[in-house]
Protein backbone atom coordinates (compact mmCIF):
# COMPACT_ATOMS: atom_id res chain seq x y z
CA MET A 1 -7.81 56.23 55.82
CA GLU A 2 -10.34 53.63 56.92
CA ALA A 3 -8.93 51.31 59.58
CA LYS A 4 -8.57 47.67 58.64
CA HIS A 5 -10.59 45.03 60.43
CA LYS A 6 -8.71 42.85 62.90
CA ILE A 7 -8.94 39.07 63.28
CA LEU A 8 -7.77 37.26 66.41
CA VAL A 9 -6.86 33.56 66.08
CA LEU A 10 -6.81 31.54 69.32
CA ASP A 11 -5.08 28.13 69.36
CA ASP A 12 -2.54 26.44 71.62
CA ASP A 13 -0.61 25.04 68.61
CA ALA A 14 2.10 27.55 67.62
CA ASP A 15 2.66 25.98 64.20
CA TRP A 16 -1.05 26.12 63.44
CA LEU A 17 -1.15 29.80 64.43
CA ASP A 18 1.70 30.56 62.02
CA MET A 19 -0.08 28.69 59.24
CA CYS A 20 -3.37 30.51 59.94
CA ARG A 21 -1.66 33.89 59.91
CA ASP A 22 -0.17 33.23 56.47
CA PHE A 23 -3.40 31.68 55.19
CA LEU A 24 -5.68 34.53 56.33
CA ALA A 25 -3.29 37.04 54.76
CA GLN A 26 -4.87 35.97 51.43
CA LEU A 27 -8.20 37.61 52.34
CA PRO A 28 -9.09 40.31 49.77
CA SER A 29 -9.80 42.96 52.43
CA GLN A 30 -6.31 42.41 53.94
CA PRO A 31 -7.36 42.47 57.63
CA GLU A 32 -4.81 42.64 60.41
CA ILE A 33 -4.17 39.15 61.81
CA ARG A 34 -3.16 38.63 65.43
CA THR A 35 -2.78 35.42 67.42
CA ALA A 36 -3.07 34.16 70.99
CA ALA A 37 -2.01 30.81 72.47
CA THR A 38 -4.22 30.86 75.60
CA GLY A 39 -7.76 31.89 76.43
CA VAL A 40 -6.57 34.33 79.06
CA ARG A 41 -4.29 36.05 76.57
CA ALA A 42 -7.05 36.22 73.97
CA LEU A 43 -9.50 37.86 76.40
CA SER A 44 -6.84 40.36 77.43
CA MET A 45 -6.25 41.29 73.77
CA LEU A 46 -10.01 41.62 73.15
CA ASP A 47 -10.24 43.99 76.14
CA ALA A 48 -7.43 46.14 74.79
CA THR A 49 -8.27 46.26 71.07
CA PRO A 50 -11.48 46.13 69.00
CA PHE A 51 -11.50 42.99 66.83
CA ARG A 52 -13.99 42.07 64.13
CA ILE A 53 -13.63 38.26 64.27
CA LEU A 54 -12.38 35.70 66.79
CA ILE A 55 -11.34 32.34 65.31
CA CYS A 56 -11.17 29.91 68.20
CA ASP A 57 -10.04 26.33 68.78
CA LEU A 58 -12.04 24.23 71.27
CA LYS A 59 -9.58 21.82 72.86
CA MET A 60 -7.04 23.83 74.87
CA PRO A 61 -5.51 23.45 78.36
CA ARG A 62 -6.80 25.36 81.39
CA MET A 63 -9.44 27.48 79.60
CA ASP A 64 -11.01 25.68 76.63
CA GLY A 65 -12.68 27.26 73.63
CA LEU A 66 -16.26 26.89 74.89
CA GLN A 67 -15.33 28.75 78.09
CA VAL A 68 -13.77 31.54 76.04
CA LEU A 69 -16.83 31.77 73.78
CA SER A 70 -19.15 31.92 76.78
CA ILE A 71 -17.24 34.91 78.17
CA VAL A 72 -16.99 36.55 74.73
CA ARG A 73 -20.74 36.33 74.22
CA ARG A 74 -21.35 38.35 77.39
CA ARG A 75 -18.51 40.85 77.11
CA PHE A 76 -18.20 41.40 73.36
CA PRO A 77 -21.69 40.85 71.85
CA GLU A 78 -20.76 42.46 68.52
CA LEU A 79 -17.72 40.25 67.93
CA ARG A 80 -18.08 37.68 65.13
CA THR A 81 -16.99 34.24 66.29
CA VAL A 82 -15.76 31.22 64.32
CA VAL A 83 -14.89 27.81 65.73
CA LEU A 84 -12.01 26.09 63.93
CA THR A 85 -11.31 22.75 65.56
CA GLY A 86 -10.20 19.19 65.01
CA LEU A 87 -12.99 17.86 67.26
CA GLN A 88 -15.57 16.17 65.06
CA ASP A 89 -18.45 15.91 67.52
CA ASP A 90 -22.05 17.08 66.99
CA GLN A 91 -22.43 17.84 70.71
CA PHE A 92 -19.54 20.31 70.60
CA ARG A 93 -21.02 21.81 67.42
CA SER A 94 -24.43 22.22 69.09
CA ARG A 95 -22.91 23.73 72.24
CA ALA A 96 -20.89 26.17 70.16
CA TYR A 97 -23.94 27.31 68.16
CA ALA A 98 -25.88 27.65 71.42
CA LEU A 99 -23.19 30.16 72.43
CA GLY A 100 -23.92 32.19 69.30
CA VAL A 101 -20.98 31.33 67.03
CA ASP A 102 -21.32 32.40 63.40
CA LEU A 103 -19.46 29.46 61.87
CA PHE A 104 -18.25 26.03 62.92
CA TRP A 105 -15.45 24.52 60.79
CA LEU A 106 -13.32 21.41 61.16
CA LYS A 107 -9.63 21.94 60.49
CA PRO A 108 -9.40 19.21 57.81
CA ASP A 109 -12.41 20.74 56.00
CA MET A 110 -10.81 24.17 56.14
CA GLN A 111 -7.64 22.84 54.54
CA GLN A 112 -9.53 20.91 51.86
CA ASN A 113 -11.94 23.77 51.08
CA SER A 114 -9.64 26.70 51.68
CA LYS A 115 -11.28 29.06 49.18
CA LEU A 116 -14.71 28.41 50.65
CA PHE A 117 -13.41 29.09 54.16
CA LEU A 118 -11.84 32.37 53.06
CA ASP A 119 -15.10 33.38 51.35
CA CYS A 120 -16.97 32.75 54.61
CA ILE A 121 -14.51 34.82 56.64
CA GLU A 122 -14.57 37.65 54.10
CA SER A 123 -18.36 37.64 54.25
CA LEU A 124 -18.30 37.95 58.04
CA LEU A 125 -15.83 40.83 57.80
CA GLY A 126 -18.20 42.68 55.52
CA GLN A 127 -21.47 42.16 57.43
CA VAL A 128 -22.93 45.24 59.06
CA ASP A 129 -25.26 44.96 62.03
CA ALA A 130 -28.69 46.28 61.07
CA GLY A 131 -31.49 44.56 62.94
CA GLY A 132 -32.96 41.48 61.31
CA PHE A 133 -32.73 38.08 62.96
CA ARG A 134 -30.82 37.57 66.19
CA ASP A 135 -29.17 34.88 68.22
CA ALA A 136 -26.39 36.60 70.17
CA GLN A 137 -25.86 39.11 67.35
CA PRO A 138 -27.98 40.70 64.59
CA LYS A 139 -27.87 38.82 61.29
CA ASN A 140 -29.72 38.49 58.02
CA LEU A 141 -31.54 35.13 58.04
CA LEU A 142 -30.47 34.33 54.48
CA ASP A 143 -26.84 34.92 55.51
CA VAL A 144 -27.27 32.39 58.30
CA ILE A 145 -28.76 29.82 55.90
CA GLN A 146 -26.00 30.38 53.34
CA MET A 147 -23.33 30.02 56.02
CA GLU A 148 -24.80 26.69 57.14
CA CYS A 149 -24.64 25.46 53.54
CA LEU A 150 -21.16 26.81 52.83
CA ALA A 151 -19.72 25.31 56.01
CA GLY A 152 -21.25 21.88 55.28
CA ASN A 153 -23.08 21.85 58.60
CA SER A 154 -25.67 19.38 59.87
CA SER A 155 -28.13 21.18 62.14
CA VAL A 156 -31.68 22.44 62.61
CA LEU A 157 -32.44 26.16 62.61
CA ARG A 158 -35.46 27.08 64.72
CA ILE A 159 -36.84 30.50 63.77
CA ASN A 160 -39.34 32.62 65.75
CA SER A 161 -40.95 35.63 64.08
CA GLY A 162 -43.76 37.05 66.18
CA ALA A 163 -46.47 34.38 66.32
CA HIS A 164 -44.74 32.37 63.58
CA ILE A 165 -42.42 29.41 64.26
CA GLY A 166 -40.41 27.63 61.59
CA LYS A 167 -37.63 25.10 61.26
CA ILE A 168 -35.06 24.42 58.55
CA TRP A 169 -33.14 21.15 58.46
CA PHE A 170 -29.57 20.84 57.10
CA GLN A 171 -27.56 17.69 56.46
CA HIS A 172 -23.89 18.09 55.45
CA GLY A 173 -24.57 21.59 54.12
CA GLU A 174 -27.66 20.67 52.09
CA LEU A 175 -31.20 21.87 52.75
CA THR A 176 -33.30 18.78 53.40
CA ASP A 177 -36.60 19.99 54.87
CA ALA A 178 -38.48 22.97 56.27
CA ALA A 179 -41.67 23.46 58.27
CA ALA A 180 -43.66 26.61 59.05
CA ASP A 181 -47.31 27.50 59.71
CA GLY A 182 -48.58 24.08 58.66
CA ALA A 183 -46.54 23.98 55.44
CA ASP A 184 -43.61 21.68 54.70
CA GLY A 185 -40.67 21.53 52.29
CA GLU A 186 -40.18 24.31 49.72
CA ALA A 187 -43.50 25.99 50.53
CA ALA A 188 -42.44 26.38 54.16
CA PHE A 189 -38.96 27.56 53.16
CA ARG A 190 -40.47 30.33 50.99
CA ARG A 191 -42.68 31.45 53.86
CA ILE A 192 -39.76 31.63 56.27
CA LEU A 193 -37.70 33.74 53.86
CA LYS A 194 -40.51 36.35 53.81
CA TRP A 195 -40.23 36.94 57.57
CA LYS A 196 -38.48 40.25 58.21
CA SER A 197 -37.32 39.89 61.81
CA GLY A 198 -37.24 37.55 64.77
CA THR A 199 -34.89 35.21 66.58
CA PHE A 200 -33.26 31.93 65.72
CA GLU A 201 -31.31 29.19 67.44
CA SER A 202 -29.25 26.30 66.13
CA LEU A 203 -30.34 22.89 67.37
CA PRO A 204 -28.63 19.48 67.09
CA PRO A 205 -29.00 17.71 63.72
CA GLU A 206 -31.78 15.22 63.05
CA PRO A 207 -30.27 12.81 60.51
CA GLU A 208 -33.35 10.58 60.63
CA ARG A 209 -35.57 13.41 59.34
CA ALA A 210 -37.04 12.48 55.94
CA ARG A 211 -35.74 14.59 53.07
CA THR A 212 -38.39 16.56 51.18
CA MET A 213 -36.21 19.19 49.46
CA THR A 214 -33.86 18.16 46.66
CA LYS A 215 -33.06 21.49 45.03
CA SER A 216 -29.95 23.44 45.91
CA LEU A 217 -30.23 26.72 47.82
CA GLU A 218 -28.98 28.59 44.74
CA SER A 219 -31.66 26.98 42.58
CA MET A 220 -34.49 27.87 44.97
CA LEU A 221 -33.28 31.45 45.37
CA ALA A 222 -33.09 31.80 41.59
CA GLU A 223 -36.68 30.57 41.30
CA LEU A 224 -37.86 33.02 43.94
CA GLU A 225 -36.07 35.86 42.17
CA GLU A 226 -37.64 34.86 38.86
CA THR A 227 -41.10 34.77 40.46
CA VAL A 228 -40.65 38.28 41.87
CA GLU A 229 -39.33 39.56 38.55
CA LYS A 230 -42.33 38.14 36.69
CA ALA A 231 -44.73 39.79 39.10
CA VAL A 232 -43.03 43.18 38.75
CA ASN A 233 -42.18 43.02 35.05
CA PRO A 234 -43.70 40.06 33.22
CA GLY A 235 -41.87 40.73 29.93
CA SER A 236 -42.18 38.67 26.77
CA VAL A 237 -41.96 34.89 26.50
CA GLU A 238 -38.63 35.29 24.69
CA GLU A 239 -37.22 37.45 27.49
CA LEU A 240 -38.31 34.98 30.16
CA GLU A 241 -36.79 32.10 28.23
CA GLN A 242 -33.55 34.05 27.90
CA GLN A 243 -33.50 34.74 31.66
CA LYS A 244 -34.14 31.06 32.33
CA PHE A 245 -31.32 30.07 29.99
CA ILE A 246 -28.87 32.43 31.72
CA GLY A 247 -29.91 31.06 35.12
CA GLN A 248 -29.32 27.50 33.99
CA LEU A 249 -25.87 28.36 32.68
CA ALA A 250 -25.07 29.93 36.05
CA GLU A 251 -26.23 26.80 37.85
CA ILE A 252 -23.86 24.67 35.75
CA ALA A 253 -20.98 27.02 36.56
CA VAL A 254 -21.72 26.95 40.30
CA ALA A 255 -21.72 23.15 40.29
CA GLY A 256 -18.40 23.06 38.39
CA ALA A 257 -19.73 21.15 35.37
CA GLU A 258 -18.87 22.06 31.76
CA PHE A 259 -22.23 21.36 30.13
CA ILE A 260 -25.57 19.54 30.29
CA VAL A 261 -27.53 18.01 27.43
CA THR A 262 -31.07 16.64 27.79
CA VAL A 263 -31.91 13.88 25.32
CA PRO A 264 -35.63 12.94 25.10
CA ALA A 265 -36.45 9.26 24.66
CA LYS A 266 -38.40 10.11 21.50
CA LYS A 267 -36.11 11.00 18.60
CA GLU A 268 -38.65 13.40 17.11
CA ILE A 269 -38.23 15.71 20.12
CA ALA A 270 -35.10 17.84 19.83
CA ALA A 271 -32.37 17.59 22.42
CA LYS A 272 -31.44 20.71 24.40
CA ALA A 273 -27.98 21.79 25.50
CA TRP A 274 -26.49 24.26 27.95
CA GLY A 275 -22.79 25.03 27.75
CA THR A 276 -22.03 23.20 24.47
CA LYS A 277 -22.92 23.47 20.78
CA ASN A 278 -22.40 19.76 19.98
CA THR A 279 -26.03 18.99 20.76
CA GLU A 280 -26.94 16.61 17.95
CA GLN A 281 -23.67 14.67 18.07
CA LEU A 282 -24.00 14.18 21.83
CA ALA A 283 -27.67 13.22 21.50
CA ALA A 284 -26.90 10.56 18.88
CA TRP A 285 -23.99 9.21 20.92
CA THR A 286 -26.16 9.15 24.06
CA ARG A 287 -28.92 7.13 22.45
CA MET A 288 -26.39 4.64 21.08
CA VAL A 289 -24.57 4.22 24.42
CA GLU A 290 -27.77 3.97 26.43
CA LYS A 291 -29.19 1.32 24.11
CA SER A 292 -25.98 -0.75 24.33
CA ALA A 293 -25.90 -0.42 28.13
CA GLN A 294 -29.52 -1.51 28.43
CA ARG A 295 -28.90 -4.59 26.27
CA LEU A 296 -25.88 -5.49 28.38
CA GLY A 297 -27.88 -4.99 31.56
CA GLU A 298 -30.62 -7.32 30.31
CA THR A 299 -28.04 -9.95 29.40
CA LEU A 300 -26.47 -9.79 32.85
CA SER A 301 -29.83 -9.42 34.65
CA ALA A 302 -28.36 -6.31 36.25
CA GLY A 303 -31.65 -4.49 36.75
CA PRO A 304 -32.64 -1.03 35.49
CA LEU A 305 -29.96 1.34 34.19
CA THR A 306 -29.05 4.05 36.71
CA HIS A 307 -26.18 5.76 34.89
CA VAL A 308 -23.27 5.31 32.51
CA ALA A 309 -19.88 6.90 33.20
CA GLY A 310 -16.89 7.35 30.92
CA HIS A 311 -13.86 9.59 30.64
CA ASN A 312 -10.76 10.49 28.66
CA LEU A 313 -7.87 12.85 29.40
CA GLU A 314 -10.02 15.92 28.77
CA ARG A 315 -13.41 15.17 30.24
CA HIS A 316 -15.70 12.95 32.32
CA LEU A 317 -19.16 12.17 30.91
CA LEU A 318 -22.12 10.83 32.87
CA LEU A 319 -25.44 9.67 31.40
CA LEU A 320 -28.41 9.61 33.80
CA PRO A 321 -31.85 8.43 32.59
CA GLN A 322 -34.58 10.39 34.36
CA ASN A 323 -38.27 11.20 33.73
CA GLY A 324 -38.49 10.25 30.07
CA LYS A 325 -35.17 11.79 29.08
CA THR A 326 -31.46 11.18 29.57
CA PHE A 327 -29.19 13.84 31.01
CA VAL A 328 -25.61 14.03 29.76
CA VAL A 329 -23.34 15.93 32.16
CA GLY A 330 -19.81 16.88 31.16
CA TRP A 331 -17.18 17.50 33.84
CA PRO A 332 -13.55 18.69 33.59
CA GLY A 333 -10.95 15.93 33.31
CA GLU A 334 -9.37 16.81 36.66
CA SER A 335 -12.65 16.31 38.56
CA ALA A 336 -12.71 13.63 41.28
CA SER A 337 -14.49 10.75 39.55
CA THR A 338 -15.69 9.18 42.81
CA GLU A 339 -17.95 12.17 43.51
CA LEU A 340 -19.31 12.86 40.04
CA PHE A 341 -22.32 10.56 40.11
CA GLU A 342 -23.76 12.19 43.25
CA GLN A 343 -22.91 15.67 41.97
CA SER A 344 -24.53 14.95 38.59
CA LYS A 345 -27.60 13.46 40.24
CA LYS A 346 -27.97 16.49 42.49
CA LEU A 347 -27.61 18.87 39.55
CA THR A 348 -30.16 17.06 37.38
CA LEU A 349 -32.70 16.67 40.19
CA SER A 350 -32.97 20.45 40.44
CA TRP A 351 -32.96 20.96 36.68
CA ASP A 352 -36.11 22.36 35.12
CA SER A 353 -35.76 21.84 31.41
């Protein structure tokens, strides 16, 4: 029988350790969970038993988390490391990444996004060292990028691949810019993803950096996959349209929306829908609501229309005029209404209809 992976959780809070043990027991691979309350005890356990992951707090008496991670990096280079702390400080984040940690999570974020945290840990459990990009440990560069996004990190990845140097900027888990070999934005990001090996380091965030990339990571990866597929097997126009349609449905599902309808300003151009069959009814309703909102805005001298939001017990609806058409985005009724405008805007910005 294949031995189960082991996870060691280090924290000086006994109640938190008990909670983590129960929480990590939900992982699909069912790893063995052990705990330690001091850095000295954790290092002793790592010496005695092979562990796959160390989940470490930062603020602890006598030996703090950064000291433990510094020792771990030298003595256990193959150990995956995750910081789980209540310290919300970019300097601590940067110092932790400089020590080669795989993930940096805040405790409140872990509790609010528990499924995402478990997905990240399960991914680390399943990674197999096989060359590729390195900081303290071998990794796949795309894995590193995805982890930055999933963890909601703000940072700059600096990548060296032979004579090539590139950077990728993240802000709160979103890709905002890239630079490589004289290229910027998406063009640079595509170049970097083609590099097969090298080294990378995580640098402090640069929040003042201008944003040039608005598409989600999933959207850009889907486009790259489609480009490769076309080059290998062009297929018919109908097949490509079908692939595009499936990809757009997947993008809606990832975002958590129920459907999207695009309503052109000109009535003679047909509306398009993804995720719903009520295309014409929604298009007619959209034109009516948008016209009424524009009239009201003119009466109140409120400026140009940015969006219209409405909801009932079953669903939230948002209308966003953009580039000669209006997007209608439907969200489940239990969605947090305060976040829907930004989520809808992000989804429609990356939409290629």
